[in-house]
Amino acid sequence: EAEQISIAAQSLAVQFDLAQESPLYRLVDLASRSDMLA
C-alpha cells in the first residue's frame, strides 16, 4: 500500500511540476524524491 500511494503521489508531483514555469521546481521535487528513496 505504501508503494501504491507513493506511485500515485509521484504521478501528481510530476504533473504539478510540469505545470510550473520555473525550472527551480525541478530541484524542489528532486529533493523531495531523494527523501522518498531514502
PDB file of all heavy atoms in Angstrom:
ATOM      1  N   GLU A   1       0.822  -1.202   0.000  1.00  0.00           N
ATOM      2  CA  GLU A   1       0.000   0.000   0.000  1.00  0.00           C
ATOM      3  C   GLU A   1       0.859   1.257   0.000  1.00  0.00           C
ATOM      4  O   GLU A   1       0.520   2.258  -0.645  1.00  0.00           O
ATOM      5  CB  GLU A   1      -0.949  -0.009   1.197  1.00  0.00           C
ATOM      6  CG  GLU A   1      -2.065  -1.030   1.059  1.00  0.00           C
ATOM      7  CD  GLU A   1      -2.960  -1.087   2.278  1.00  0.00           C
ATOM      8  OE1 GLU A   1      -2.488  -0.760   3.378  1.00  0.00           O
ATOM      9  OE2 GLU A   1      -4.136  -1.460   2.131  1.00  0.00           O
ATOM     10  N   ALA A   2       1.984   1.221   0.718  1.00  0.00           N
ATOM     11  CA  ALA A   2       2.921   2.356   0.689  1.00  0.00           C
ATOM     12  C   ALA A   2       3.415   2.590  -0.725  1.00  0.00           C
ATOM     13  O   ALA A   2       3.529   3.745  -1.175  1.00  0.00           O
ATOM     14  CB  ALA A   2       4.093   2.094   1.634  1.00  0.00           C
ATOM     15  N   GLU A   3       3.697   1.514  -1.443  1.00  0.00           N
ATOM     16  CA  GLU A   3       4.148   1.633  -2.833  1.00  0.00           C
ATOM     17  C   GLU A   3       3.073   2.258  -3.701  1.00  0.00           C
ATOM     18  O   GLU A   3       3.357   3.126  -4.538  1.00  0.00           O
ATOM     19  CB  GLU A   3       4.515   0.253  -3.382  1.00  0.00           C
ATOM     20  CG  GLU A   3       5.802  -0.327  -2.815  1.00  0.00           C
ATOM     21  CD  GLU A   3       7.022   0.414  -3.327  1.00  0.00           C
ATOM     22  OE1 GLU A   3       7.426   0.209  -4.479  1.00  0.00           O
ATOM     23  OE2 GLU A   3       7.566   1.230  -2.550  1.00  0.00           O
ATOM     24  N   GLN A   4       1.832   1.825  -3.534  1.00  0.00           N
ATOM     25  CA  GLN A   4       0.745   2.348  -4.359  1.00  0.00           C
ATOM     26  C   GLN A   4       0.529   3.840  -4.116  1.00  0.00           C
ATOM     27  O   GLN A   4       0.311   4.612  -5.060  1.00  0.00           O
ATOM     28  CB  GLN A   4      -0.543   1.564  -4.085  1.00  0.00           C
ATOM     29  CG  GLN A   4      -0.509   0.122  -4.545  1.00  0.00           C
ATOM     30  CD  GLN A   4      -0.176  -0.016  -6.029  1.00  0.00           C
ATOM     31  OE1 GLN A   4      -0.747   0.677  -6.876  1.00  0.00           O
ATOM     32  NE2 GLN A   4       0.759  -0.891  -6.351  1.00  0.00           N
ATOM     33  N   ILE A   5       0.580   4.253  -2.860  1.00  0.00           N
ATOM     34  CA  ILE A   5       0.421   5.673  -2.540  1.00  0.00           C
ATOM     35  C   ILE A   5       1.576   6.479  -3.125  1.00  0.00           C
ATOM     36  O   ILE A   5       1.378   7.545  -3.714  1.00  0.00           O
ATOM     37  CB  ILE A   5       0.322   5.882  -1.015  1.00  0.00           C
ATOM     38  CG1 ILE A   5      -1.000   5.309  -0.491  1.00  0.00           C
ATOM     39  CG2 ILE A   5       0.424   7.368  -0.661  1.00  0.00           C
ATOM     40  CD1 ILE A   5      -1.118   5.314   1.015  1.00  0.00           C
ATOM     41  N   SER A   6       2.794   5.963  -2.974  1.00  0.00           N
ATOM     42  CA  SER A   6       3.963   6.669  -3.497  1.00  0.00           C
ATOM     43  C   SER A   6       3.898   6.807  -5.015  1.00  0.00           C
ATOM     44  O   SER A   6       4.260   7.851  -5.572  1.00  0.00           O
ATOM     45  CB  SER A   6       5.253   5.942  -3.089  1.00  0.00           C
ATOM     46  OG  SER A   6       5.499   6.088  -1.713  1.00  0.00           O
ATOM     47  N   ILE A   7       3.446   5.770  -5.701  1.00  0.00           N
ATOM     48  CA  ILE A   7       3.342   5.812  -7.167  1.00  0.00           C
ATOM     49  C   ILE A   7       2.323   6.863  -7.601  1.00  0.00           C
ATOM     50  O   ILE A   7       2.574   7.671  -8.508  1.00  0.00           O
ATOM     51  CB  ILE A   7       2.972   4.425  -7.721  1.00  0.00           C
ATOM     52  CG1 ILE A   7       4.154   3.456  -7.557  1.00  0.00           C
ATOM     53  CG2 ILE A   7       2.557   4.523  -9.187  1.00  0.00           C
ATOM     54  CD1 ILE A   7       3.795   2.006  -7.819  1.00  0.00           C
ATOM     55  N   ALA A   8       1.170   6.873  -6.951  1.00  0.00           N
ATOM     56  CA  ALA A   8       0.136   7.853  -7.297  1.00  0.00           C
ATOM     57  C   ALA A   8       0.595   9.270  -6.977  1.00  0.00           C
ATOM     58  O   ALA A   8       0.364  10.207  -7.752  1.00  0.00           O
ATOM     59  CB  ALA A   8      -1.157   7.530  -6.549  1.00  0.00           C
ATOM     60  N   ALA A   9       1.258   9.451  -5.835  1.00  0.00           N
ATOM     61  CA  ALA A   9       1.755  10.776  -5.459  1.00  0.00           C
ATOM     62  C   ALA A   9       2.880  11.227  -6.388  1.00  0.00           C
ATOM     63  O   ALA A   9       2.998  12.414  -6.703  1.00  0.00           O
ATOM     64  CB  ALA A   9       2.237  10.763  -4.012  1.00  0.00           C
ATOM     65  N   GLN A  10       3.690  10.266  -6.851  1.00  0.00           N
ATOM     66  CA  GLN A  10       4.747  10.585  -7.816  1.00  0.00           C
ATOM     67  C   GLN A  10       4.131  11.132  -9.104  1.00  0.00           C
ATOM     68  O   GLN A  10       4.615  12.125  -9.669  1.00  0.00           O
ATOM     69  CB  GLN A  10       5.570   9.334  -8.121  1.00  0.00           C
ATOM     70  CG  GLN A  10       6.478   9.417  -9.349  1.00  0.00           C
ATOM     71  CD  GLN A  10       7.693  10.292  -9.154  1.00  0.00           C
ATOM     72  OE1 GLN A  10       8.004  10.705  -8.030  1.00  0.00           O
ATOM     73  NE2 GLN A  10       8.377  10.602 -10.234  1.00  0.00           N
ATOM     74  N   SER A  11       3.076  10.507  -9.570  1.00  0.00           N
ATOM     75  CA  SER A  11       2.400  10.961 -10.780  1.00  0.00           C
ATOM     76  C   SER A  11       1.894  12.389 -10.616  1.00  0.00           C
ATOM     77  O   SER A  11       2.055  13.234 -11.507  1.00  0.00           O
ATOM     78  CB  SER A  11       1.232  10.026 -11.113  1.00  0.00           C
ATOM     79  OG  SER A  11       0.484  10.505 -12.213  1.00  0.00           O
ATOM     80  N   LEU A  12       1.311  12.681  -9.460  1.00  0.00           N
ATOM     81  CA  LEU A  12       0.810  14.027  -9.199  1.00  0.00           C
ATOM     82  C   LEU A  12       1.945  15.038  -9.101  1.00  0.00           C
ATOM     83  O   LEU A  12       1.842  16.148  -9.644  1.00  0.00           O
ATOM     84  CB  LEU A  12       0.005  14.041  -7.907  1.00  0.00           C
ATOM     85  CG  LEU A  12      -1.421  13.500  -7.993  1.00  0.00           C
ATOM     86  CD1 LEU A  12      -2.034  13.409  -6.607  1.00  0.00           C
ATOM     87  CD2 LEU A  12      -2.272  14.364  -8.896  1.00  0.00           C
ATOM     88  N   ALA A  13       3.019  14.674  -8.411  1.00  0.00           N
ATOM     89  CA  ALA A  13       4.149  15.596  -8.262  1.00  0.00           C
ATOM     90  C   ALA A  13       4.720  15.977  -9.622  1.00  0.00           C
ATOM     91  O   ALA A  13       5.048  17.145  -9.867  1.00  0.00           O
ATOM     92  CB  ALA A  13       5.230  14.969  -7.377  1.00  0.00           C
ATOM     93  N   VAL A  14       4.838  15.000 -10.510  1.00  0.00           N
ATOM     94  CA  VAL A  14       5.361  15.267 -11.855  1.00  0.00           C
ATOM     95  C   VAL A  14       4.420  16.193 -12.615  1.00  0.00           C
ATOM     96  O   VAL A  14       4.860  17.155 -13.270  1.00  0.00           O
ATOM     97  CB  VAL A  14       5.573  13.950 -12.627  1.00  0.00           C
ATOM     98  CG1 VAL A  14       5.869  14.233 -14.092  1.00  0.00           C
ATOM     99  CG2 VAL A  14       6.718  13.158 -12.005  1.00  0.00           C
ATOM    100  N   GLN A  15       3.118  15.927 -12.539  1.00  0.00           N
ATOM    101  CA  GLN A  15       2.156  16.774 -13.240  1.00  0.00           C
ATOM    102  C   GLN A  15       2.175  18.208 -12.708  1.00  0.00           C
ATOM    103  O   GLN A  15       2.137  19.172 -13.490  1.00  0.00           O
ATOM    104  CB  GLN A  15       0.752  16.196 -13.113  1.00  0.00           C
ATOM    105  CG  GLN A  15       0.548  14.898 -13.886  1.00  0.00           C
ATOM    106  CD  GLN A  15      -0.871  14.380 -13.774  1.00  0.00           C
ATOM    107  OE1 GLN A  15      -1.814  15.013 -14.246  1.00  0.00           O
ATOM    108  NE2 GLN A  15      -1.030  13.232 -13.134  1.00  0.00           N
ATOM    109  N   PHE A  16       2.236  18.349 -11.397  1.00  0.00           N
ATOM    110  CA  PHE A  16       2.277  19.687 -10.812  1.00  0.00           C
ATOM    111  C   PHE A  16       3.591  20.392 -11.169  1.00  0.00           C
ATOM    112  O   PHE A  16       3.608  21.606 -11.382  1.00  0.00           O
ATOM    113  CB  PHE A  16       2.113  19.605  -9.296  1.00  0.00           C
ATOM    114  CG  PHE A  16       0.752  19.158  -8.841  1.00  0.00           C
ATOM    115  CD1 PHE A  16       0.611  18.383  -7.697  1.00  0.00           C
ATOM    116  CD2 PHE A  16      -0.395  19.508  -9.548  1.00  0.00           C
ATOM    117  CE1 PHE A  16      -0.643  17.971  -7.264  1.00  0.00           C
ATOM    118  CE2 PHE A  16      -1.654  19.096  -9.126  1.00  0.00           C
ATOM    119  CZ  PHE A  16      -1.786  18.331  -7.982  1.00  0.00           C
ATOM    120  N   ASP A  17       4.690  19.643 -11.230  1.00  0.00           N
ATOM    121  CA  ASP A  17       5.988  20.209 -11.595  1.00  0.00           C
ATOM    122  C   ASP A  17       5.952  20.736 -13.033  1.00  0.00           C
ATOM    123  O   ASP A  17       6.405  21.850 -13.314  1.00  0.00           O
ATOM    124  CB  ASP A  17       7.078  19.143 -11.439  1.00  0.00           C
ATOM    125  CG  ASP A  17       8.462  19.639 -11.855  1.00  0.00           C
ATOM    126  OD1 ASP A  17       8.683  20.861 -11.886  1.00  0.00           O
ATOM    127  OD2 ASP A  17       9.322  18.795 -12.151  1.00  0.00           O
ATOM    128  N   LEU A  18       5.408  19.945 -13.956  1.00  0.00           N
ATOM    129  CA  LEU A  18       5.376  20.335 -15.364  1.00  0.00           C
ATOM    130  C   LEU A  18       4.504  21.567 -15.604  1.00  0.00           C
ATOM    131  O   LEU A  18       4.678  22.274 -16.602  1.00  0.00           O
ATOM    132  CB  LEU A  18       4.863  19.163 -16.212  1.00  0.00           C
ATOM    133  CG  LEU A  18       5.792  17.944 -16.296  1.00  0.00           C
ATOM    134  CD1 LEU A  18       5.123  16.806 -17.045  1.00  0.00           C
ATOM    135  CD2 LEU A  18       7.118  18.311 -16.952  1.00  0.00           C
ATOM    136  N   ALA A  19       3.579  21.821 -14.672  1.00  0.00           N
ATOM    137  CA  ALA A  19       2.703  22.981 -14.816  1.00  0.00           C
ATOM    138  C   ALA A  19       3.378  24.285 -14.391  1.00  0.00           C
ATOM    139  O   ALA A  19       2.834  25.368 -14.605  1.00  0.00           O
ATOM    140  CB  ALA A  19       1.434  22.773 -13.992  1.00  0.00           C
ATOM    141  N   GLN A  20       4.569  24.178 -13.785  1.00  0.00           N
ATOM    142  CA  GLN A  20       5.279  25.365 -13.309  1.00  0.00           C
ATOM    143  C   GLN A  20       6.223  25.895 -14.379  1.00  0.00           C
ATOM    144  O   GLN A  20       6.771  25.134 -15.177  1.00  0.00           O
ATOM    145  CB  GLN A  20       6.076  25.023 -12.042  1.00  0.00           C
ATOM    146  CG  GLN A  20       5.269  24.374 -10.941  1.00  0.00           C
ATOM    147  CD  GLN A  20       4.135  25.249 -10.437  1.00  0.00           C
ATOM    148  OE1 GLN A  20       4.255  26.477 -10.395  1.00  0.00           O
ATOM    149  NE2 GLN A  20       3.041  24.621 -10.057  1.00  0.00           N
ATOM    150  N   GLU A  21       6.453  27.204 -14.359  1.00  0.00           N
ATOM    151  CA  GLU A  21       7.339  27.817 -15.336  1.00  0.00           C
ATOM    152  C   GLU A  21       8.805  27.771 -14.888  1.00  0.00           C
ATOM    153  O   GLU A  21       9.700  27.635 -15.704  1.00  0.00           O
ATOM    154  CB  GLU A  21       6.934  29.271 -15.583  1.00  0.00           C
ATOM    155  CG  GLU A  21       5.581  29.415 -16.271  1.00  0.00           C
ATOM    156  CD  GLU A  21       5.253  30.863 -16.574  1.00  0.00           C
ATOM    157  OE1 GLU A  21       6.103  31.724 -16.294  1.00  0.00           O
ATOM    158  OE2 GLU A  21       4.156  31.116 -17.089  1.00  0.00           O
ATOM    159  N   SER A  22       9.052  27.898 -13.602  1.00  0.00           N
ATOM    160  CA  SER A  22      10.428  27.965 -13.116  1.00  0.00           C
ATOM    161  C   SER A  22      11.076  26.578 -13.095  1.00  0.00           C
ATOM    162  O   SER A  22      10.500  25.634 -12.544  1.00  0.00           O
ATOM    163  CB  SER A  22      10.470  28.554 -11.706  1.00  0.00           C
ATOM    164  OG  SER A  22      11.780  28.460 -11.176  1.00  0.00           O
ATOM    165  N   PRO A  23      12.286  26.447 -13.653  1.00  0.00           N
ATOM    166  CA  PRO A  23      12.985  25.159 -13.590  1.00  0.00           C
ATOM    167  C   PRO A  23      13.421  24.805 -12.176  1.00  0.00           C
ATOM    168  O   PRO A  23      13.781  23.660 -11.902  1.00  0.00           O
ATOM    169  CB  PRO A  23      14.201  25.383 -14.503  1.00  0.00           C
ATOM    170  CG  PRO A  23      14.421  26.857 -14.494  1.00  0.00           C
ATOM    171  CD  PRO A  23      13.056  27.467 -14.400  1.00  0.00           C
ATOM    172  N   LEU A  24      13.370  25.776 -11.258  1.00  0.00           N
ATOM    173  CA  LEU A  24      13.744  25.514  -9.868  1.00  0.00           C
ATOM    174  C   LEU A  24      12.795  24.523  -9.200  1.00  0.00           C
ATOM    175  O   LEU A  24      13.160  23.849  -8.241  1.00  0.00           O
ATOM    176  CB  LEU A  24      13.780  26.819  -9.064  1.00  0.00           C
ATOM    177  CG  LEU A  24      14.964  27.744  -9.346  1.00  0.00           C
ATOM    178  CD1 LEU A  24      14.719  29.112  -8.741  1.00  0.00           C
ATOM    179  CD2 LEU A  24      16.260  27.142  -8.809  1.00  0.00           C
ATOM    180  N   TYR A  25      11.561  24.440  -9.706  1.00  0.00           N
ATOM    181  CA  TYR A  25      10.615  23.479  -9.137  1.00  0.00           C
ATOM    182  C   TYR A  25      11.130  22.049  -9.301  1.00  0.00           C
ATOM    183  O   TYR A  25      10.803  21.168  -8.499  1.00  0.00           O
ATOM    184  CB  TYR A  25       9.241  23.619  -9.783  1.00  0.00           C
ATOM    185  CG  TYR A  25       8.422  24.750  -9.213  1.00  0.00           C
ATOM    186  CD1 TYR A  25       8.362  25.982  -9.856  1.00  0.00           C
ATOM    187  CD2 TYR A  25       7.704  24.591  -8.035  1.00  0.00           C
ATOM    188  CE1 TYR A  25       7.604  27.023  -9.338  1.00  0.00           C
ATOM    189  CE2 TYR A  25       6.942  25.624  -7.509  1.00  0.00           C
ATOM    190  CZ  TYR A  25       6.903  26.842  -8.166  1.00  0.00           C
ATOM    191  OH  TYR A  25       6.157  27.873  -7.644  1.00  0.00           O
ATOM    192  N   ARG A  26      11.910  21.821 -10.353  1.00  0.00           N
ATOM    193  CA  ARG A  26      12.507  20.505 -10.573  1.00  0.00           C
ATOM    194  C   ARG A  26      13.397  20.130  -9.389  1.00  0.00           C
ATOM    195  O   ARG A  26      13.413  18.978  -8.949  1.00  0.00           O
ATOM    196  CB  ARG A  26      13.312  20.517 -11.882  1.00  0.00           C
ATOM    197  CG  ARG A  26      14.305  19.394 -12.077  1.00  0.00           C
ATOM    198  CD  ARG A  26      13.640  18.052 -12.222  1.00  0.00           C
ATOM    199  NE  ARG A  26      14.609  17.002 -12.441  1.00  0.00           N
ATOM    200  CZ  ARG A  26      14.361  15.714 -12.262  1.00  0.00           C
ATOM    201  NH1 ARG A  26      13.177  15.307 -11.857  1.00  0.00           N
ATOM    202  NH2 ARG A  26      15.290  14.805 -12.487  1.00  0.00           N
ATOM    203  N   LEU A  27      14.131  21.094  -8.848  1.00  0.00           N
ATOM    204  CA  LEU A  27      15.018  20.822  -7.719  1.00  0.00           C
ATOM    205  C   LEU A  27      14.220  20.591  -6.436  1.00  0.00           C
ATOM    206  O   LEU A  27      14.605  19.770  -5.604  1.00  0.00           O
ATOM    207  CB  LEU A  27      16.007  21.975  -7.538  1.00  0.00           C
ATOM    208  CG  LEU A  27      16.951  22.218  -8.720  1.00  0.00           C
ATOM    209  CD1 LEU A  27      17.848  23.428  -8.457  1.00  0.00           C
ATOM    210  CD2 LEU A  27      17.809  20.979  -8.991  1.00  0.00           C
ATOM    211  N   VAL A  28      13.128  21.329  -6.277  1.00  0.00           N
ATOM    212  CA  VAL A  28      12.245  21.089  -5.131  1.00  0.00           C
ATOM    213  C   VAL A  28      11.778  19.637  -5.143  1.00  0.00           C
ATOM    214  O   VAL A  28      11.845  18.918  -4.136  1.00  0.00           O
ATOM    215  CB  VAL A  28      11.026  22.041  -5.163  1.00  0.00           C
ATOM    216  CG1 VAL A  28      10.068  21.724  -4.002  1.00  0.00           C
ATOM    217  CG2 VAL A  28      11.473  23.494  -5.099  1.00  0.00           C
ATOM    218  N   ASP A  29      11.306  19.211  -6.317  1.00  0.00           N
ATOM    219  CA  ASP A  29      10.788  17.844  -6.444  1.00  0.00           C
ATOM    220  C   ASP A  29      11.901  16.810  -6.289  1.00  0.00           C
ATOM    221  O   ASP A  29      11.694  15.753  -5.698  1.00  0.00           O
ATOM    222  CB  ASP A  29      10.105  17.672  -7.793  1.00  0.00           C
ATOM    223  CG  ASP A  29       9.464  16.301  -7.932  1.00  0.00           C
ATOM    224  OD1 ASP A  29       8.562  15.982  -7.142  1.00  0.00           O
ATOM    225  OD2 ASP A  29       9.883  15.536  -8.823  1.00  0.00           O
ATOM    226  N   LEU A  30      13.092  17.124  -6.789  1.00  0.00           N
ATOM    227  CA  LEU A  30      14.199  16.175  -6.710  1.00  0.00           C
ATOM    228  C   LEU A  30      14.643  15.965  -5.260  1.00  0.00           C
ATOM    229  O   LEU A  30      14.965  14.837  -4.853  1.00  0.00           O
ATOM    230  CB  LEU A  30      15.368  16.678  -7.553  1.00  0.00           C
ATOM    231  CG  LEU A  30      16.448  15.670  -7.939  1.00  0.00           C
ATOM    232  CD1 LEU A  30      15.867  14.482  -8.692  1.00  0.00           C
ATOM    233  CD2 LEU A  30      17.511  16.365  -8.789  1.00  0.00           C
ATOM    234  N   ALA A  31      14.656  17.044  -4.469  1.00  0.00           N
ATOM    235  CA  ALA A  31      14.992  16.908  -3.047  1.00  0.00           C
ATOM    236  C   ALA A  31      13.952  16.055  -2.336  1.00  0.00           C
ATOM    237  O   ALA A  31      14.275  15.177  -1.528  1.00  0.00           O
ATOM    238  CB  ALA A  31      15.098  18.288  -2.397  1.00  0.00           C
ATOM    239  N   SER A  32      12.670  16.298  -2.649  1.00  0.00           N
ATOM    240  CA  SER A  32      11.589  15.517  -2.046  1.00  0.00           C
ATOM    241  C   SER A  32      11.674  14.053  -2.469  1.00  0.00           C
ATOM    242  O   SER A  32      11.463  13.142  -1.647  1.00  0.00           O
ATOM    243  CB  SER A  32      10.246  16.120  -2.457  1.00  0.00           C
ATOM    244  OG  SER A  32       9.179  15.342  -1.978  1.00  0.00           O
ATOM    245  N   ARG A  33      11.983  13.808  -3.736  1.00  0.00           N
ATOM    246  CA  ARG A  33      12.082  12.430  -4.214  1.00  0.00           C
ATOM    247  C   ARG A  33      13.268  11.714  -3.568  1.00  0.00           C
ATOM    248  O   ARG A  33      13.191  10.510  -3.263  1.00  0.00           O
ATOM    249  CB  ARG A  33      12.209  12.405  -5.736  1.00  0.00           C
ATOM    250  CG  ARG A  33      12.194  10.994  -6.308  1.00  0.00           C
ATOM    251  CD  ARG A  33      12.025  10.972  -7.815  1.00  0.00           C
ATOM    252  NE  ARG A  33      11.943   9.601  -8.298  1.00  0.00           N
ATOM    253  CZ  ARG A  33      12.996   8.868  -8.652  1.00  0.00           C
ATOM    254  NH1 ARG A  33      14.216   9.404  -8.605  1.00  0.00           N
ATOM    255  NH2 ARG A  33      12.845   7.615  -9.059  1.00  0.00           N
ATOM    256  N   SER A  34      14.365  12.425  -3.337  1.00  0.00           N
ATOM    257  CA  SER A  34      15.510  11.818  -2.656  1.00  0.00           C
ATOM    258  C   SER A  34      15.129  11.372  -1.256  1.00  0.00           C
ATOM    259  O   SER A  34      15.564  10.309  -0.787  1.00  0.00           O
ATOM    260  CB  SER A  34      16.676  12.817  -2.606  1.00  0.00           C
ATOM    261  OG  SER A  34      17.132  13.131  -3.902  1.00  0.00           O
ATOM    262  N   ASP A  35      14.307  12.179  -0.586  1.00  0.00           N
ATOM    263  CA  ASP A  35      13.796  11.791   0.729  1.00  0.00           C
ATOM    264  C   ASP A  35      12.996  10.504   0.620  1.00  0.00           C
ATOM    265  O   ASP A  35      13.191   9.562   1.393  1.00  0.00           O
ATOM    266  CB  ASP A  35      12.935  12.922   1.293  1.00  0.00           C
ATOM    267  CG  ASP A  35      12.273  12.557   2.613  1.00  0.00           C
ATOM    268  OD1 ASP A  35      12.799  11.690   3.334  1.00  0.00           O
ATOM    269  OD2 ASP A  35      11.229  13.157   2.928  1.00  0.00           O
ATOM    270  N   MET A  36      12.089  10.433  -0.373  1.00  0.00           N
ATOM    271  CA  MET A  36      11.277   9.232  -0.540  1.00  0.00           C
ATOM    272  C   MET A  36      12.136   7.998  -0.762  1.00  0.00           C
ATOM    273  O   MET A  36      11.894   6.935  -0.177  1.00  0.00           O
ATOM    274  CB  MET A  36      10.314   9.423  -1.718  1.00  0.00           C
ATOM    275  CG  MET A  36       9.386   8.242  -1.964  1.00  0.00           C
ATOM    276  SD  MET A  36      10.091   6.888  -2.965  1.00  0.00           S
ATOM    277  CE  MET A  36      10.185   7.665  -4.580  1.00  0.00           C
ATOM    278  N   LEU A  37      13.168   8.137  -1.598  1.00  0.00           N
ATOM    279  CA  LEU A  37      14.016   6.982  -1.907  1.00  0.00           C
ATOM    280  C   LEU A  37      14.783   6.512  -0.672  1.00  0.00           C
ATOM    281  O   LEU A  37      14.949   5.307  -0.449  1.00  0.00           O
ATOM    282  CB  LEU A  37      14.979   7.339  -3.039  1.00  0.00           C
ATOM    283  CG  LEU A  37      14.310   7.510  -4.413  1.00  0.00           C
ATOM    284  CD1 LEU A  37      15.278   8.150  -5.402  1.00  0.00           C
ATOM    285  CD2 LEU A  37      13.806   6.172  -4.952  1.00  0.00           C
ATOM    286  N   ALA A  38      15.252   7.450   0.143  1.00  0.00           N
ATOM    287  CA  ALA A  38      15.936   7.067   1.385  1.00  0.00           C
ATOM    288  C   ALA A  38      14.980   6.351   2.326  1.00  0.00           C
ATOM    289  O   ALA A  38      15.339   5.342   2.964  1.00  0.00           O
ATOM    290  CB  ALA A  38      16.535   8.305   2.062  1.00  0.00           C
TER     291      ALA A  38
END
